[in-house]
């Protein structure tokens, strides 16, 4: 195991809140538009199950996204993600508001993002992650880069990583293995 992996795992072990960007993380970053101009997004069911496993393990989840979409609200509702900030270009302010609301420190939070708009949060959280197709400036500043692409299981990979770092992975799967 590399020193970087050991350090990232120690950081992930402290996470009480995991925050997700949407475009490029929970989706593949593509935007498809309906005839009436509504943006359509495709979400991955593995990512959704990973988020549910985090919640089951007592780790809060949140979304901070620069774009605003009814589809994201629906997905967040389906996954019981109650902390949703959309249409937020100043993600740092939204992040600090979440910290205050949940009475957490930045070291207790994780964030996964893929573009430079995410850097103000990625550089402040205790555990920062990105995807292999994320912007190079982002990938060079995070603790963990997934092997899976955004919208293709990257969020699930991070969820599993956190659960393993906290020795909660087997417990999270216990109901499914009974």
Protein backbone atom coordinates (compact mmCIF):
# COMPACT_ATOMS: atom_id res chain seq x y z
CA UNK A 1 0.00 0.00 0.00
CA UNK A 2 1.29 3.44 -0.90
CA UNK A 3 1.61 6.29 1.58
CA UNK A 4 -1.00 8.24 -0.42
CA UNK A 5 -3.50 5.36 -0.12
CA UNK A 6 -2.90 5.05 3.62
CA UNK A 7 -3.31 8.81 4.07
CA UNK A 8 -6.52 8.89 1.97
CA UNK A 9 -7.96 5.97 3.92
CA UNK A 10 -7.25 7.72 7.24
CA UNK A 11 -9.04 10.82 5.95
CA UNK A 12 -12.03 8.78 4.71
CA UNK A 13 -12.29 7.13 8.12
CA UNK A 14 -13.31 10.49 9.66
CA UNK A 15 -16.15 11.30 7.24
CA UNK A 16 -19.58 12.05 8.72
CA UNK A 17 -20.96 13.84 5.64
CA UNK A 18 -20.28 12.93 2.00
CA UNK A 19 -21.16 15.58 -0.56
CA UNK A 20 -21.66 14.83 -4.25
CA UNK A 21 -21.46 17.04 -7.30
CA UNK A 22 -23.96 15.98 -9.96
CA UNK A 23 -22.80 16.60 -13.54
CA UNK A 24 -19.74 14.46 -14.20
CA UNK A 25 -20.07 12.59 -10.90
CA UNK A 26 -23.60 11.25 -10.44
CA UNK A 27 -24.02 11.54 -14.23
CA UNK A 28 -21.53 11.15 -17.05
CA UNK A 29 -21.60 14.93 -17.56
CA UNK A 30 -23.55 14.80 -20.80
CA UNK A 31 -26.51 17.11 -21.15
CA UNK A 32 -29.40 16.02 -23.33
CA UNK A 33 -32.26 18.42 -23.87
CA UNK A 34 -35.91 17.60 -24.40
CA UNK A 35 -37.84 19.49 -27.12
CA UNK A 36 -39.06 21.93 -24.45
CA UNK A 37 -35.48 22.66 -23.34
CA UNK A 38 -35.42 20.60 -20.15
CA UNK A 39 -32.05 19.00 -19.43
CA UNK A 40 -32.21 15.23 -19.15
CA UNK A 41 -29.75 13.30 -16.99
CA UNK A 42 -28.97 9.62 -16.56
CA UNK A 43 -28.12 8.30 -13.10
CA UNK A 44 -26.45 5.02 -12.17
CA UNK A 45 -28.28 2.64 -9.84
CA UNK A 46 -25.01 1.41 -8.32
CA UNK A 47 -24.23 4.97 -7.24
CA UNK A 48 -27.66 5.27 -5.66
CA UNK A 49 -27.21 2.05 -3.70
CA UNK A 50 -23.81 3.26 -2.50
CA UNK A 51 -25.40 6.45 -1.19
CA UNK A 52 -28.05 4.40 0.61
CA UNK A 53 -25.33 2.22 2.16
CA UNK A 54 -23.55 5.33 3.46
CA UNK A 55 -26.79 6.55 5.01
CA UNK A 56 -27.44 3.13 6.55
CA UNK A 57 -23.98 3.35 8.13
CA UNK A 58 -24.85 6.72 9.70
CA UNK A 59 -23.02 8.92 7.20
CA UNK A 60 -25.04 11.90 6.02
CA UNK A 61 -25.19 12.70 2.32
CA UNK A 62 -25.60 15.93 0.39
CA UNK A 63 -25.57 17.38 -3.11
CA UNK A 64 -24.04 20.68 -4.17
CA UNK A 65 -24.54 21.42 -7.86
CA UNK A 66 -24.05 24.51 -10.00
CA UNK A 67 -26.95 23.54 -12.24
CA UNK A 68 -30.56 23.47 -11.06
CA UNK A 69 -32.75 20.62 -12.23
CA UNK A 70 -36.06 19.08 -11.22
CA UNK A 71 -34.54 15.73 -12.18
CA UNK A 72 -31.83 16.16 -9.53
CA UNK A 73 -34.48 17.05 -6.95
CA UNK A 74 -36.37 13.87 -7.86
CA UNK A 75 -33.23 11.71 -7.66
CA UNK A 76 -32.26 13.25 -4.32
CA UNK A 77 -35.76 12.63 -2.99
CA UNK A 78 -35.70 9.01 -4.19
CA UNK A 79 -32.39 8.51 -2.32
CA UNK A 80 -33.47 10.39 0.83
CA UNK A 81 -30.75 13.01 0.35
CA UNK A 82 -32.18 15.89 2.35
CA UNK A 83 -29.27 18.31 2.02
CA UNK A 84 -29.53 19.52 -1.57
CA UNK A 85 -28.08 22.79 -2.85
CA UNK A 86 -28.71 23.43 -6.55
CA UNK A 87 -28.04 26.38 -8.81
CA UNK A 88 -25.06 27.20 -6.61
CA UNK A 89 -22.02 28.60 -8.38
CA UNK A 90 -20.41 29.60 -5.08
CA UNK A 91 -20.03 26.08 -3.77
CA UNK A 92 -17.73 27.20 -0.95
CA UNK A 93 -20.52 29.23 0.66
CA UNK A 94 -22.97 26.33 0.32
CA UNK A 95 -20.36 24.05 1.89
CA UNK A 96 -19.87 26.34 4.90
CA UNK A 97 -23.64 26.63 5.30
CA UNK A 98 -23.88 22.81 5.44
CA UNK A 99 -21.09 22.69 8.03
CA UNK A 100 -22.96 25.16 10.22
CA UNK A 101 -26.32 23.46 9.71
CA UNK A 102 -24.95 20.03 10.62
CA UNK A 103 -22.47 21.24 13.23
CA UNK A 104 -19.53 19.56 11.49
CA UNK A 105 -15.93 20.49 10.81
CA UNK A 106 -14.46 20.44 7.33
CA UNK A 107 -12.32 17.42 8.28
CA UNK A 108 -15.52 15.44 8.87
CA UNK A 109 -16.72 16.05 5.30
CA UNK A 110 -15.91 14.48 1.98
CA UNK A 111 -16.64 15.80 -1.50
CA UNK A 112 -16.39 14.32 -4.97
CA UNK A 113 -16.20 16.72 -7.90
CA UNK A 114 -14.72 16.87 -11.36
CA UNK A 115 -14.15 20.46 -12.48
CA UNK A 116 -12.50 23.66 -11.28
CA UNK A 117 -15.79 25.03 -9.91
CA UNK A 118 -15.47 22.24 -7.29
CA UNK A 119 -11.97 23.25 -6.11
CA UNK A 120 -13.16 25.69 -3.39
CA UNK A 121 -14.80 22.73 -1.64
CA UNK A 122 -12.35 20.00 -2.65
CA UNK A 123 -9.45 21.95 -1.13
CA UNK A 124 -11.28 22.40 2.19
CA UNK A 125 -12.81 19.01 2.95
CA UNK A 126 -11.17 16.27 4.92
CA UNK A 127 -11.50 13.76 2.07
CA UNK A 128 -11.51 14.91 -1.57
CA UNK A 129 -12.20 12.66 -4.55
CA UNK A 130 -12.54 12.97 -8.29
CA UNK A 131 -12.97 10.85 -11.39
CA UNK A 132 -10.38 9.82 -13.99
CA UNK A 133 -11.94 12.12 -16.59
CA UNK A 134 -12.06 15.05 -14.19
CA UNK A 135 -10.10 18.20 -14.99
CA UNK A 136 -6.33 17.75 -14.40
CA UNK A 137 -6.27 20.67 -11.91
CA UNK A 138 -8.87 18.80 -9.86
CA UNK A 139 -7.29 15.35 -10.10
CA UNK A 140 -3.95 16.73 -8.95
CA UNK A 141 -5.47 18.13 -5.74
CA UNK A 142 -7.60 15.27 -4.43
CA UNK A 143 -6.92 12.38 -2.09
CA UNK A 144 -8.54 9.74 -4.27
CA UNK A 145 -9.25 9.35 -7.98
CA UNK A 146 -11.75 6.62 -8.81
CA UNK A 147 -11.18 4.02 -11.47
CA UNK A 148 -14.85 4.27 -12.53
CA UNK A 149 -16.03 7.24 -14.56
CA UNK A 150 -18.66 9.72 -13.42
CA UNK A 151 -22.15 8.33 -13.89
CA UNK A 152 -20.63 4.87 -14.32
CA UNK A 153 -20.10 3.83 -10.69
CA UNK A 154 -17.61 6.46 -9.45
CA UNK A 155 -19.87 7.58 -6.60
CA UNK A 156 -20.39 3.96 -5.56
CA UNK A 157 -16.65 3.37 -5.57
CA UNK A 158 -16.16 6.32 -3.21
CA UNK A 159 -19.02 5.18 -0.97
CA UNK A 160 -17.51 1.69 -0.71
CA UNK A 161 -14.07 3.20 -0.04
CA UNK A 162 -15.43 5.28 2.86
CA UNK A 163 -17.34 2.33 4.31
CA UNK A 164 -14.23 0.16 4.18
CA UNK A 165 -12.09 2.92 5.72
CA UNK A 166 -14.57 3.08 8.61
CA UNK A 167 -14.80 -0.71 8.94
CA UNK A 168 -18.54 -0.47 8.17
CA UNK A 169 -18.59 -2.19 4.77
CA UNK A 170 -19.55 -5.69 5.95
CA UNK A 171 -22.14 -4.26 8.32
CA UNK A 172 -23.65 -2.23 5.49
CA UNK A 173 -23.99 -5.41 3.41
CA UNK A 174 -25.20 -7.63 6.28
CA UNK A 175 -28.91 -7.47 5.36
CA UNK A 176 -28.10 -8.54 1.81
CA UNK A 177 -25.94 -11.48 2.90
CA UNK A 178 -28.38 -12.89 5.48
